[in-house]
Amino acid sequence: MLRRPRRPGRLLGGGARRRYGTEAAVVEALLAVPARGAVEGTSSAERARRRHAFFAGLCEEVFPAGGRPRFVHVAGTKGKGSVCELVRAALVAGGSRVGCFTSPHLHSCRERIRVGASPISSEALVRCGSLALRRLAAADSWGAVFFDRLLAAALAHFAAERCETVVLEAGIGGLYDSTNFTLPRDVAASVVTSISRDHTALLGETLAEIAEHKAGVFRAGRPALAPATQPPEALAVLRERAAAVGADLALVRPDGPTVDDENRCLAAAVAAALGAAPRFQAARWPARFELIAPHGKRLVVDAAHNGDSLLKLFDRAAATLSPSLSLVFGCGRDKEGLDDMLDAIFAHAPRFATIRLVEAYHGAKELPPSKKPALAALLAAKLAARGLHATVHDPPSAKAALDAAFHDPPDILVAGSLYLAAEAREWAVDRDPSCLPPDDWARTLRHPSTA
């Protein structure tokens, strides 16, 4: 049975009344650079312990006695967000009131916090974001970042909305991630999606080291699920860690060869573990090999942002799109897998009629500091060193590149970052409003720099 939302004033109390008058003011505060001076020299494990203690305490505060939700915790390298969305859709279809916290976002940070299919409202973001900022101002002992602040706001919102189940997507890794605060009794299932090399500076260079971090979400006596197609060295670690903590690990074999097949089969197994049918019809997860056709021009937008994901994307594009493609590519400034992505582009270079390099949200100030785009000129120089010519427009914006590619014969393929994928979707709906549904987030939840 669905529970009625709590009155926000009753949940948050007088001390959490609006401190910031607008959504823009709250977002600016949420994006603020963390104060790290007090935690310099503190180990990663100790900072994680402090984070987890804060979020466990926040849950005790905001969720009523006897009203704590069950948590589905999803970690992994690829497919985390897709699995979260599929599980959310299945549980909602089964009649549960579901909160879902995912990252990053396409068009607005409000997407990251959803109840049912609805992103958090501007009013609720102001209210819950203010609460999060207040609590963190008083208790931050680890250097809270944007992700932590939004997670705190999300938990407050899910409590206000009386969510019965909360689906949490881990940010980076799992073991030390801010979302890894749950007790075994609260966890309905832990999930580790496909593992590949990413965030190696934090998680380690090898798949075994990375898998060790991902497996940190496993809980004693609780179901744990992962695809059987994991790389062998990662799979061995997942088995070892599940046995060590006493988690009940189930390996799910996909019924098809694609990443989508893997994600759907994994989500179906998670839903079954929670007593729900795999009813995914209402799932919406844009920018995953998403075909858009502004004025009939075929544009595929994908959030692939590491070498392995790009290789799989290019293979799929080769099987479904025109023989020759216009590639529009951009990525984060501090992307450590940059060379792997450029190698993937080089490997498929004969298929690209043009390669245009861009800086997503060129000149925007609203992105977190860690998400600023790589300089297009730097990317061009790196490709030139591999013998490939790429075009950099003036300015090096996604709009300039897409405007030019629109008039070229080949289909357009956009990849490299979620922020670039978002800007491509917004470009498409600006050029042809009919190419996306009226309730699409590219229309209703626009990035502050383009709204």
Protein backbone atom coordinates (compact mmCIF):
# COMPACT_ATOMS: atom_id res chain seq x y z
CA MET A 1 0.00 0.00 0.00
CA LEU A 2 1.32 3.47 -0.85
CA ARG A 3 1.97 5.73 2.11
CA ARG A 4 0.91 9.34 2.09
CA PRO A 5 3.74 11.90 2.04
CA ARG A 6 4.60 13.49 5.38
CA ARG A 7 4.01 17.17 5.92
CA PRO A 8 7.44 18.71 5.25
CA GLY A 9 7.20 21.02 8.28
CA ARG A 10 6.64 18.09 10.61
CA LEU A 11 9.65 16.25 9.25
CA LEU A 12 12.16 19.07 9.06
CA GLY A 13 11.17 21.12 12.08
CA GLY A 14 11.61 24.82 12.69
CA GLY A 15 15.41 24.69 12.33
CA ALA A 16 15.17 23.56 8.72
CA ARG A 17 12.91 26.22 7.32
CA ARG A 18 13.98 27.79 4.06
CA ARG A 19 17.33 29.41 4.26
CA TYR A 20 17.81 29.91 0.53
CA GLY A 21 15.05 31.67 -1.31
CA THR A 22 15.43 30.08 -4.72
CA GLU A 23 16.47 26.86 -6.40
CA ALA A 24 19.41 28.70 -8.01
CA ALA A 25 20.68 29.84 -4.61
CA VAL A 26 20.47 26.31 -3.20
CA VAL A 27 22.21 24.81 -6.23
CA GLU A 28 25.00 27.36 -5.95
CA ALA A 29 25.51 26.41 -2.29
CA LEU A 30 25.36 22.69 -3.08
CA LEU A 31 28.04 23.16 -5.76
CA ALA A 32 30.40 25.10 -3.49
CA VAL A 33 34.00 23.93 -3.29
CA PRO A 34 34.46 21.74 -0.18
CA ALA A 35 36.46 22.96 2.80
CA ARG A 36 39.28 20.43 2.93
CA GLY A 37 41.77 22.10 5.27
CA ALA A 38 40.47 20.32 8.36
CA VAL A 39 40.81 16.84 6.82
CA GLU A 40 44.24 17.08 5.21
CA GLY A 41 46.27 14.05 6.21
CA THR A 42 43.17 12.04 7.16
CA SER A 43 43.05 8.59 5.56
CA SER A 44 40.41 7.62 3.01
CA ALA A 45 39.10 4.97 5.39
CA GLU A 46 38.69 7.48 8.22
CA ARG A 47 36.97 10.04 6.00
CA ALA A 48 34.62 7.29 4.80
CA ARG A 49 33.88 6.29 8.40
CA ARG A 50 32.92 9.88 9.20
CA ARG A 51 30.73 10.15 6.09
CA HIS A 52 28.95 6.90 6.83
CA ALA A 53 28.34 7.89 10.45
CA PHE A 54 26.84 11.19 9.32
CA PHE A 55 24.44 9.62 6.82
CA ALA A 56 23.44 6.83 9.20
CA GLY A 57 22.66 9.48 11.80
CA LEU A 58 20.73 11.56 9.29
CA CYS A 59 18.56 8.53 8.46
CA GLU A 60 17.85 8.04 12.16
CA GLU A 61 16.79 11.69 12.33
CA VAL A 62 14.59 12.01 9.26
CA PHE A 63 12.96 8.58 8.96
CA PRO A 64 10.33 7.89 11.61
CA ALA A 65 10.65 4.99 14.01
CA GLY A 66 9.43 1.88 12.26
CA GLY A 67 9.35 3.73 8.95
CA ARG A 68 12.84 3.13 7.60
CA PRO A 69 12.80 2.09 3.94
CA ARG A 70 14.51 -0.93 2.47
CA PHE A 71 17.53 -0.02 0.36
CA VAL A 72 18.68 -1.37 -3.00
CA HIS A 73 22.34 -0.40 -3.38
CA VAL A 74 23.84 -0.45 -6.87
CA ALA A 75 27.58 -0.16 -7.56
CA GLY A 76 29.65 -0.95 -10.66
CA THR A 77 31.40 0.80 -13.54
CA LYS A 78 28.88 0.59 -16.38
CA GLY A 79 25.11 0.29 -16.26
CA LYS A 80 24.55 1.45 -12.66
CA GLY A 81 22.08 4.17 -13.58
CA SER A 82 20.27 1.98 -16.10
CA VAL A 83 19.82 -0.82 -13.56
CA CYS A 84 18.62 1.66 -10.93
CA GLU A 85 16.02 3.06 -13.32
CA LEU A 86 14.81 -0.38 -14.40
CA VAL A 87 14.49 -1.54 -10.78
CA ARG A 88 12.70 1.68 -9.86
CA ALA A 89 10.21 1.20 -12.70
CA ALA A 90 9.54 -2.42 -11.76
CA LEU A 91 8.96 -1.63 -8.08
CA VAL A 92 6.70 1.33 -8.88
CA ALA A 93 4.71 -0.84 -11.28
CA GLY A 94 4.29 -3.31 -8.43
CA GLY A 95 2.70 -0.63 -6.23
CA SER A 96 5.63 0.44 -4.05
CA ARG A 97 6.47 4.05 -3.22
CA VAL A 98 10.07 4.30 -4.41
CA GLY A 99 12.77 6.91 -3.98
CA CYS A 100 15.67 6.81 -6.43
CA PHE A 101 19.04 8.57 -6.10
CA THR A 102 21.29 8.47 -9.18
CA SER A 103 24.17 10.44 -10.63
CA PRO A 104 25.32 12.34 -12.53
CA HIS A 105 22.49 14.30 -14.13
CA LEU A 106 21.67 15.41 -17.65
CA HIS A 107 19.68 18.64 -17.45
CA SER A 108 19.23 19.44 -13.76
CA CYS A 109 20.42 18.09 -10.42
CA ARG A 110 16.72 17.59 -9.64
CA GLU A 111 16.87 14.44 -11.82
CA ARG A 112 19.12 12.79 -9.27
CA ILE A 113 16.37 12.73 -6.64
CA ARG A 114 13.11 11.12 -7.74
CA VAL A 115 10.05 9.65 -6.07
CA GLY A 116 8.21 7.42 -8.46
CA ALA A 117 8.96 8.94 -11.85
CA SER A 118 8.94 12.55 -10.61
CA PRO A 119 12.11 14.55 -9.99
CA ILE A 120 12.20 16.54 -6.79
CA SER A 121 10.32 19.83 -7.16
CA SER A 122 12.06 23.19 -6.95
CA GLU A 123 10.28 23.87 -3.66
CA ALA A 124 11.31 20.54 -2.15
CA LEU A 125 14.90 21.02 -3.35
CA VAL A 126 15.04 24.39 -1.59
CA ARG A 127 13.60 22.88 1.58
CA CYS A 128 15.60 19.64 1.65
CA GLY A 129 18.74 21.24 0.23
CA SER A 130 18.62 23.83 3.02
CA LEU A 131 18.31 21.05 5.58
CA ALA A 132 21.28 19.22 4.05
CA LEU A 133 23.43 22.34 4.04
CA ARG A 134 22.51 23.10 7.66
CA ARG A 135 23.30 19.62 8.91
CA LEU A 136 26.58 19.46 6.98
CA ALA A 137 27.64 22.90 8.16
CA ALA A 138 27.38 21.59 11.71
CA ALA A 139 28.76 18.08 11.20
CA ASP A 140 31.06 17.98 8.15
CA SER A 141 34.35 16.46 9.30
CA TRP A 142 35.50 14.94 6.00
CA GLY A 143 35.16 17.69 3.36
CA ALA A 144 31.65 17.20 1.98
CA VAL A 145 31.24 17.64 -1.77
CA PHE A 146 28.29 18.23 -4.10
CA PHE A 147 27.46 14.49 -4.11
CA ASP A 148 27.26 14.38 -0.30
CA ARG A 149 25.06 17.45 -0.10
CA LEU A 150 22.62 16.10 -2.68
CA LEU A 151 22.55 12.68 -1.00
CA ALA A 152 21.61 14.34 2.29
CA ALA A 153 18.87 16.31 0.51
CA ALA A 154 17.65 13.11 -1.14
CA LEU A 155 17.32 11.22 2.14
CA ALA A 156 15.34 14.10 3.64
CA HIS A 157 13.05 14.14 0.58
CA PHE A 158 12.52 10.36 0.63
CA ALA A 159 11.59 10.56 4.30
CA ALA A 160 9.15 13.41 3.68
CA GLU A 161 7.57 11.37 0.88
CA ARG A 162 7.36 8.21 3.04
CA CYS A 163 9.24 6.05 0.55
CA GLU A 164 9.04 2.34 1.22
CA THR A 165 12.05 1.47 -0.94
CA VAL A 166 15.08 3.60 -1.82
CA VAL A 167 17.29 2.73 -4.78
CA LEU A 168 20.80 4.17 -4.27
CA GLU A 169 23.41 4.41 -6.99
CA ALA A 170 26.95 4.51 -5.63
CA GLY A 171 29.06 7.40 -6.85
CA ILE A 172 32.63 6.09 -7.06
CA GLY A 173 33.57 2.59 -5.95
CA GLY A 174 31.42 1.36 -3.11
CA LEU A 175 33.47 0.60 -0.01
CA TYR A 176 34.27 4.24 0.79
CA ASP A 177 31.38 5.78 -1.13
CA SER A 178 29.01 8.10 0.71
CA THR A 179 26.04 5.84 -0.11
CA ASN A 180 27.61 2.90 1.77
CA PHE A 181 26.12 3.81 5.15
CA THR A 182 23.39 1.17 5.39
CA LEU A 183 23.13 -1.60 7.97
CA PRO A 184 22.47 -5.18 6.81
CA ARG A 185 18.94 -5.09 8.21
CA ASP A 186 18.06 -2.17 5.93
CA VAL A 187 19.41 -3.66 2.68
CA ALA A 188 17.03 -5.52 0.41
CA ALA A 189 19.71 -6.23 -2.21
CA SER A 190 23.20 -5.16 -3.22
CA VAL A 191 24.15 -5.07 -6.89
CA VAL A 192 27.45 -4.78 -8.74
CA THR A 193 27.06 -4.09 -12.46
CA SER A 194 29.73 -4.56 -15.12
CA ILE A 195 33.23 -3.65 -13.92
CA SER A 196 35.94 -2.03 -16.04
CA ARG A 197 38.81 0.38 -15.48
CA ASP A 198 37.68 3.82 -14.33
CA HIS A 199 38.62 6.18 -11.48
CA THR A 200 41.90 4.26 -11.18
CA ALA A 201 43.53 7.02 -9.10
CA LEU A 202 40.99 6.26 -6.35
CA LEU A 203 40.15 2.61 -6.90
CA GLY A 204 43.36 1.07 -8.22
CA GLU A 205 44.82 0.13 -11.57
CA THR A 206 43.64 -3.48 -11.79
CA LEU A 207 40.16 -4.91 -12.17
CA ALA A 208 40.74 -6.93 -9.00
CA GLU A 209 41.45 -3.76 -6.99
CA ILE A 210 38.43 -2.00 -8.47
CA ALA A 211 36.19 -5.02 -7.75
CA GLU A 212 37.36 -4.94 -4.12
CA HIS A 213 35.90 -1.46 -3.78
CA LYS A 214 32.66 -2.33 -5.61
CA ALA A 215 32.11 -5.38 -3.42
CA GLY A 216 32.14 -3.10 -0.39
CA VAL A 217 28.36 -2.73 -0.82
CA PHE A 218 27.75 -6.42 0.03
CA ARG A 219 26.04 -7.06 3.36
CA ALA A 220 25.94 -10.10 5.63
CA GLY A 221 22.95 -12.33 5.06
CA ARG A 222 21.54 -10.18 2.28
CA PRO A 223 21.13 -10.89 -1.46
CA ALA A 224 23.96 -9.72 -3.71
CA LEU A 225 23.71 -9.82 -7.49
CA ALA A 226 26.19 -9.37 -10.35
CA PRO A 227 26.36 -10.34 -14.02
CA ALA A 228 28.05 -13.67 -14.69
CA THR A 229 29.85 -11.98 -17.59
CA GLN A 230 32.14 -9.97 -15.28
CA PRO A 231 35.85 -10.19 -16.22
CA PRO A 232 37.29 -13.28 -14.50
CA GLU A 233 39.65 -11.37 -12.17
CA ALA A 234 36.79 -9.12 -11.05
CA LEU A 235 34.41 -12.04 -10.63
CA ALA A 236 36.90 -13.88 -8.44
CA VAL A 237 37.10 -10.91 -6.08
CA LEU A 238 33.31 -10.53 -5.93
CA ARG A 239 33.01 -14.19 -4.95
CA GLU A 240 35.73 -13.86 -2.32
CA ARG A 241 34.23 -10.74 -0.76
CA ALA A 242 30.69 -12.15 -0.74
CA ALA A 243 31.94 -15.24 1.06
CA ALA A 244 33.96 -13.14 3.51
CA VAL A 245 31.03 -10.95 4.59
CA GLY A 246 28.37 -13.69 4.31
CA ALA A 247 26.40 -12.16 1.44
CA ASP A 248 24.26 -14.45 -0.73
CA LEU A 249 25.83 -13.83 -4.17
CA ALA A 250 23.80 -14.72 -7.27
CA LEU A 251 25.42 -14.46 -10.72
CA VAL A 252 23.00 -13.47 -13.45
CA ARG A 253 23.62 -14.62 -17.02
CA PRO A 254 22.31 -12.21 -19.71
CA ASP A 255 19.98 -13.55 -22.38
CA GLY A 256 21.68 -11.52 -25.14
CA PRO A 257 25.04 -10.02 -26.14
CA THR A 258 24.51 -6.31 -25.52
CA VAL A 259 24.99 -4.13 -22.46
CA ASP A 260 21.25 -3.47 -22.51
CA ASP A 261 20.58 -7.22 -22.30
CA GLU A 262 22.93 -7.48 -19.34
CA ASN A 263 21.32 -4.56 -17.52
CA ARG A 264 17.77 -5.79 -18.09
CA CYS A 265 18.50 -9.33 -16.91
CA LEU A 266 20.29 -8.01 -13.83
CA ALA A 267 17.44 -5.63 -13.02
CA ALA A 268 14.89 -8.43 -13.51
CA ALA A 269 16.79 -10.59 -11.02
CA VAL A 270 16.89 -7.72 -8.51
CA ALA A 271 13.16 -7.10 -8.95
CA ALA A 272 12.45 -10.81 -8.42
CA ALA A 273 14.53 -10.77 -5.22
CA LEU A 274 12.24 -7.99 -3.98
CA GLY A 275 9.07 -9.80 -5.05
CA ALA A 276 8.35 -7.66 -8.13
CA ALA A 277 7.79 -8.57 -11.76
CA PRO A 278 10.16 -7.22 -14.45
CA ARG A 279 7.75 -4.54 -15.65
CA PHE A 280 10.09 -2.01 -17.22
CA GLN A 281 7.74 -0.25 -19.64
CA ALA A 282 7.79 3.02 -17.69
CA ALA A 283 11.59 3.19 -17.39
CA ARG A 284 13.17 6.28 -18.92
CA TRP A 285 16.93 6.58 -19.07
CA PRO A 286 17.97 8.91 -21.90
CA ALA A 287 21.41 9.28 -23.51
CA ARG A 288 22.03 5.53 -23.72
CA PHE A 289 22.29 4.89 -27.47
CA GLU A 290 19.36 7.25 -27.79
CA LEU A 291 18.21 7.93 -31.36
CA ILE A 292 16.78 11.42 -31.88
CA ALA A 293 15.77 12.80 -35.26
CA PRO A 294 15.51 16.62 -35.33
CA HIS A 295 13.90 17.43 -38.70
CA GLY A 296 14.67 13.86 -39.73
CA LYS A 297 18.42 14.09 -39.14
CA ARG A 298 19.60 10.94 -37.32
CA LEU A 299 21.43 11.80 -34.11
CA VAL A 300 22.55 9.16 -31.60
CA VAL A 301 23.39 10.45 -28.14
CA ASP A 302 25.30 8.24 -25.72
CA ALA A 303 26.89 8.96 -22.34
CA ALA A 304 29.79 6.54 -22.92
CA HIS A 305 32.74 8.01 -21.05
CA ASN A 306 35.53 5.46 -20.86
CA GLY A 307 37.48 3.44 -23.40
CA ASP A 308 35.59 0.19 -22.99
CA SER A 309 32.21 1.92 -23.24
CA LEU A 310 33.28 3.79 -26.37
CA LEU A 311 34.47 0.61 -28.08
CA LYS A 312 31.12 -1.05 -27.40
CA LEU A 313 29.27 2.06 -28.56
CA PHE A 314 31.23 2.22 -31.82
CA ASP A 315 30.62 -1.48 -32.47
CA ARG A 316 26.90 -1.00 -31.97
CA ALA A 317 26.88 2.09 -34.16
CA ALA A 318 28.64 0.15 -36.91
CA ALA A 319 25.81 -2.38 -36.88
CA THR A 320 22.90 0.07 -36.84
CA LEU A 321 23.86 3.48 -38.28
CA SER A 322 25.11 4.79 -41.60
CA PRO A 323 28.44 3.43 -42.87
CA SER A 324 30.04 6.82 -42.29
CA LEU A 325 29.49 8.94 -39.17
CA SER A 326 30.07 12.46 -37.91
CA LEU A 327 31.54 12.08 -34.43
CA VAL A 328 31.08 14.87 -31.88
CA PHE A 329 33.27 14.17 -28.85
CA GLY A 330 34.14 15.89 -25.59
CA CYS A 331 35.04 14.75 -22.09
CA GLY A 332 35.95 15.95 -18.61
CA ARG A 333 39.14 17.91 -18.02
CA ASP A 334 40.41 15.49 -15.39
CA LYS A 335 39.26 12.32 -17.13
CA GLU A 336 41.94 9.77 -16.30
CA GLY A 337 40.77 7.34 -19.00
CA LEU A 338 41.22 9.95 -21.71
CA ASP A 339 43.93 8.08 -23.61
CA ASP A 340 41.81 4.91 -23.63
CA MET A 341 38.94 6.88 -25.19
CA LEU A 342 41.19 8.47 -27.80
CA ASP A 343 42.59 5.01 -28.60
CA ALA A 344 39.01 3.81 -29.14
CA ILE A 345 38.40 6.69 -31.55
CA PHE A 346 41.63 5.85 -33.38
CA ALA A 347 40.63 2.18 -33.67
CA HIS A 348 37.38 3.17 -35.41
CA ALA A 349 38.75 6.18 -37.30
CA PRO A 350 37.91 4.85 -40.80
CA ARG A 351 34.20 5.07 -39.94
CA PHE A 352 34.29 8.77 -39.06
CA ALA A 353 33.82 11.20 -41.92
CA THR A 354 34.50 14.01 -39.47
CA ILE A 355 35.61 14.24 -35.85
CA ARG A 356 34.54 17.42 -34.03
CA LEU A 357 35.91 18.13 -30.58
CA VAL A 358 33.94 20.25 -28.13
CA GLU A 359 33.84 21.57 -24.58
CA ALA A 360 30.47 20.69 -23.05
CA TYR A 361 28.63 23.72 -21.63
CA HIS A 362 31.47 25.91 -22.89
CA GLY A 363 31.83 28.83 -20.46
CA ALA A 364 29.19 27.61 -18.00
CA LYS A 365 29.84 28.12 -14.28
CA GLU A 366 27.24 25.74 -12.88
CA LEU A 367 29.21 22.50 -13.21
CA PRO A 368 31.04 21.05 -10.20
CA PRO A 369 34.75 21.96 -10.31
CA SER A 370 35.68 18.33 -11.01
CA LYS A 371 33.43 18.23 -14.08
CA LYS A 372 34.89 21.04 -16.16
CA PRO A 373 35.45 20.01 -19.80
CA ALA A 374 38.79 19.11 -21.31
CA LEU A 375 40.14 21.74 -23.69
CA ALA A 376 39.17 20.83 -27.24
CA ALA A 377 42.55 22.03 -28.51
CA LEU A 378 44.29 19.57 -26.18
CA LEU A 379 42.14 16.72 -27.45
CA ALA A 380 42.91 17.73 -31.04
CA ALA A 381 46.65 17.69 -30.32
CA LYS A 382 46.42 14.23 -28.77
CA LEU A 383 44.54 12.90 -31.79
CA ALA A 384 47.01 14.60 -34.15
CA ALA A 385 49.79 12.71 -32.38
CA ARG A 386 47.93 9.54 -33.41
CA GLY A 387 47.73 10.73 -36.99
CA LEU A 388 44.09 11.84 -36.89
CA HIS A 389 42.73 15.25 -37.91
CA ALA A 390 39.89 16.69 -35.83
CA THR A 391 37.97 19.95 -36.14
CA VAL A 392 37.72 22.47 -33.30
CA HIS A 393 35.18 25.23 -33.88
CA ASP A 394 35.40 28.79 -32.57
CA PRO A 395 33.92 28.76 -29.99
CA PRO A 396 34.50 25.05 -29.23
CA SER A 397 30.90 24.57 -28.17
CA ALA A 398 28.61 21.63 -28.73
CA LYS A 399 26.17 23.91 -30.53
CA ALA A 400 28.78 25.01 -33.07
CA ALA A 401 29.82 21.42 -33.77
CA LEU A 402 26.27 20.11 -34.00
CA ASP A 403 25.14 22.97 -36.23
CA ALA A 404 27.94 22.09 -38.64
CA ALA A 405 27.36 18.32 -38.43
CA PHE A 406 23.64 18.81 -39.08
CA HIS A 407 24.41 19.84 -42.65
CA ASP A 408 26.78 16.92 -43.32
CA PRO A 409 25.35 13.76 -44.95
CA PRO A 410 26.35 11.19 -42.29
CA ASP A 411 24.46 10.34 -39.14
CA ILE A 412 25.74 12.16 -36.03
CA LEU A 413 27.15 10.28 -33.03
CA VAL A 414 27.69 12.20 -29.76
CA ALA A 415 29.75 10.67 -26.94
CA GLY A 416 32.35 11.30 -24.28
CA SER A 417 30.46 12.69 -21.28
CA LEU A 418 27.01 12.92 -19.80
CA TYR A 419 27.20 16.71 -19.87
CA LEU A 420 27.87 16.69 -23.61
CA ALA A 421 25.00 14.22 -24.07
CA ALA A 422 22.71 16.62 -22.21
CA GLU A 423 23.74 19.56 -24.33
CA ALA A 424 23.17 17.56 -27.51
CA ARG A 425 19.65 16.67 -26.39
CA GLU A 426 18.92 20.32 -25.60
CA TRP A 427 20.33 21.37 -28.98
CA ALA A 428 18.06 18.84 -30.71
CA VAL A 429 14.87 19.97 -28.95
CA ASP A 430 15.72 23.63 -29.58
CA ARG A 431 16.13 22.92 -33.30
CA ASP A 432 13.02 20.74 -33.52
CA PRO A 433 10.72 20.69 -30.46
CA SER A 434 8.78 17.74 -31.84
CA CYS A 435 11.81 15.42 -31.74
CA LEU A 436 11.35 14.73 -28.00
CA PRO A 437 8.16 14.27 -25.94
CA PRO A 438 6.60 17.31 -24.22
CA ASP A 439 7.53 16.00 -20.76
CA ASP A 440 11.14 15.20 -21.64
CA TRP A 441 13.69 16.52 -19.16
CA ALA A 442 15.43 18.43 -21.95
CA ARG A 443 12.30 20.61 -21.96
CA THR A 444 11.21 20.60 -18.33
CA LEU A 445 14.53 20.47 -16.44
CA ARG A 446 17.01 22.60 -18.30
CA HIS A 447 20.59 23.20 -17.18
CA PRO A 448 20.85 26.69 -15.63
CA SER A 449 23.10 27.94 -18.43
CA THR A 450 20.59 27.00 -21.12
CA ALA A 451 17.21 27.28 -19.40
